[in-house]
Amino acid sequence: MPANGQLELLAIDPMKAPYFCDRRELGIINVGAKGMVIVDGTEYSLDFKEALYVGKGAKQIIFKSESKTATAR
């Protein structure tokens, strides 16, 4: 949970890919406080139990909380 700033989803070396969604799709489900997902510069607001699909080829994915005092549910 990125309560204090933002969290970028990065590829790790064993993935052998330049970015996380280079060869994969991603489904995001918000199970906490209201937040934002930024995909290649476009911001998506997600409330509790809302979902977002990120297609293959997205280069930058950033998670950000909308609340400075976010708490996990």
C-alpha atoms as a PDB file:
ATOM      1  CA  MET A   1       0.000   0.000   0.000  1.00  0.00           C
ATOM      2  CA  PRO A   2       1.672   3.260  -1.092  1.00  0.00           C
ATOM      3  CA  ALA A   3       0.416   5.384   1.829  1.00  0.00           C
ATOM      4  CA  ASN A   4       3.536   7.545   1.945  1.00  0.00           C
ATOM      5  CA  GLY A   5       4.232   8.531  -1.654  1.00  0.00           C
ATOM      6  CA  GLN A   6       3.985   6.421  -4.758  1.00  0.00           C
ATOM      7  CA  LEU A   7       5.067   2.942  -5.760  1.00  0.00           C
ATOM      8  CA  GLU A   8       6.235   2.106  -9.281  1.00  0.00           C
ATOM      9  CA  LEU A   9       5.872  -1.428 -10.624  1.00  0.00           C
ATOM     10  CA  LEU A  10       9.244  -2.327 -12.115  1.00  0.00           C
ATOM     11  CA  ALA A  11      10.519  -5.376 -13.971  1.00  0.00           C
ATOM     12  CA  ILE A  12      13.052  -7.453 -12.069  1.00  0.00           C
ATOM     13  CA  ASP A  13      16.072  -9.091 -13.701  1.00  0.00           C
ATOM     14  CA  PRO A  14      14.634 -12.667 -13.818  1.00  0.00           C
ATOM     15  CA  MET A  15      11.756 -11.351 -15.977  1.00  0.00           C
ATOM     16  CA  LYS A  16      14.236 -10.556 -18.772  1.00  0.00           C
ATOM     17  CA  ALA A  17      11.996  -7.691 -19.904  1.00  0.00           C
ATOM     18  CA  PRO A  18      12.576  -3.920 -20.066  1.00  0.00           C
ATOM     19  CA  TYR A  19       9.296  -3.153 -18.239  1.00  0.00           C
ATOM     20  CA  PHE A  20       6.739  -5.138 -16.225  1.00  0.00           C
ATOM     21  CA  CYS A  21       3.986  -5.386 -18.889  1.00  0.00           C
ATOM     22  CA  ASP A  22       6.347  -5.919 -21.810  1.00  0.00           C
ATOM     23  CA  ARG A  23       4.994  -9.447 -22.375  1.00  0.00           C
ATOM     24  CA  ARG A  24       2.095  -9.673 -19.928  1.00  0.00           C
ATOM     25  CA  GLU A  25      -1.250  -8.154 -19.026  1.00  0.00           C
ATOM     26  CA  LEU A  26      -2.163  -7.011 -15.533  1.00  0.00           C
ATOM     27  CA  GLY A  27      -5.368  -6.910 -13.510  1.00  0.00           C
ATOM     28  CA  ILE A  28      -5.456  -4.559 -10.520  1.00  0.00           C
ATOM     29  CA  ILE A  29      -8.115  -4.807  -7.800  1.00  0.00           C
ATOM     30  CA  ASN A  30      -8.179  -2.188  -5.061  1.00  0.00           C
ATOM     31  CA  VAL A  31      -8.693  -3.853  -1.700  1.00  0.00           C
ATOM     32  CA  GLY A  32      -7.794  -0.789   0.382  1.00  0.00           C
ATOM     33  CA  ALA A  33      -8.446   2.920   0.587  1.00  0.00           C
ATOM     34  CA  LYS A  34      -9.183   5.039  -2.479  1.00  0.00           C
ATOM     35  CA  GLY A  35      -6.139   5.397  -4.684  1.00  0.00           C
ATOM     36  CA  MET A  36      -4.797   6.078  -8.135  1.00  0.00           C
ATOM     37  CA  VAL A  37      -3.029   4.031 -10.741  1.00  0.00           C
ATOM     38  CA  ILE A  38      -1.030   5.942 -13.324  1.00  0.00           C
ATOM     39  CA  VAL A  39      -0.440   3.997 -16.545  1.00  0.00           C
ATOM     40  CA  ASP A  40       1.877   5.649 -19.067  1.00  0.00           C
ATOM     41  CA  GLY A  41       0.892   9.093 -17.770  1.00  0.00           C
ATOM     42  CA  THR A  42      -2.881   8.519 -17.640  1.00  0.00           C
ATOM     43  CA  GLU A  43      -4.390   8.601 -14.130  1.00  0.00           C
ATOM     44  CA  TYR A  44      -7.153   6.202 -13.085  1.00  0.00           C
ATOM     45  CA  SER A  45      -8.928   6.633  -9.745  1.00  0.00           C
ATOM     46  CA  LEU A  46      -9.886   3.383  -8.007  1.00  0.00           C
ATOM     47  CA  ASP A  47     -12.200   3.138  -5.025  1.00  0.00           C
ATOM     48  CA  PHE A  48     -12.510   0.092  -2.747  1.00  0.00           C
ATOM     49  CA  LYS A  49     -13.330  -3.086  -4.748  1.00  0.00           C
ATOM     50  CA  GLU A  50     -12.870  -1.391  -8.138  1.00  0.00           C
ATOM     51  CA  ALA A  51     -10.633  -2.943 -10.788  1.00  0.00           C
ATOM     52  CA  LEU A  52      -8.424  -1.825 -13.664  1.00  0.00           C
ATOM     53  CA  TYR A  53      -7.105  -3.819 -16.622  1.00  0.00           C
ATOM     54  CA  VAL A  54      -3.653  -2.886 -17.936  1.00  0.00           C
ATOM     55  CA  GLY A  55      -2.861  -4.292 -21.360  1.00  0.00           C
ATOM     56  CA  LYS A  56       0.366  -5.768 -22.624  1.00  0.00           C
ATOM     57  CA  GLY A  57       2.886  -3.122 -23.639  1.00  0.00           C
ATOM     58  CA  ALA A  58       2.223  -0.552 -20.887  1.00  0.00           C
ATOM     59  CA  LYS A  59       5.626   0.867 -19.970  1.00  0.00           C
ATOM     60  CA  GLN A  60       5.066   2.650 -16.648  1.00  0.00           C
ATOM     61  CA  ILE A  61       2.668   1.685 -13.846  1.00  0.00           C
ATOM     62  CA  ILE A  62       2.567   3.729 -10.649  1.00  0.00           C
ATOM     63  CA  PHE A  63       0.352   3.188  -7.598  1.00  0.00           C
ATOM     64  CA  LYS A  64      -0.531   6.200  -5.446  1.00  0.00           C
ATOM     65  CA  SER A  65      -2.808   6.637  -2.440  1.00  0.00           C
ATOM     66  CA  GLU A  66      -5.258   9.573  -2.453  1.00  0.00           C
ATOM     67  CA  SER A  67      -5.141   9.716   1.352  1.00  0.00           C
ATOM     68  CA  LYS A  68      -2.095  10.548   3.440  1.00  0.00           C
ATOM     69  CA  THR A  69      -3.582   8.464   6.255  1.00  0.00           C
ATOM     70  CA  ALA A  70      -4.629   5.449   4.198  1.00  0.00           C
ATOM     71  CA  THR A  71      -5.239   2.248   6.120  1.00  0.00           C
ATOM     72  CA  ALA A  72      -5.506  -1.289   4.836  1.00  0.00           C
ATOM     73  CA  ARG A  73      -8.881  -3.007   5.040  1.00  0.00           C
END
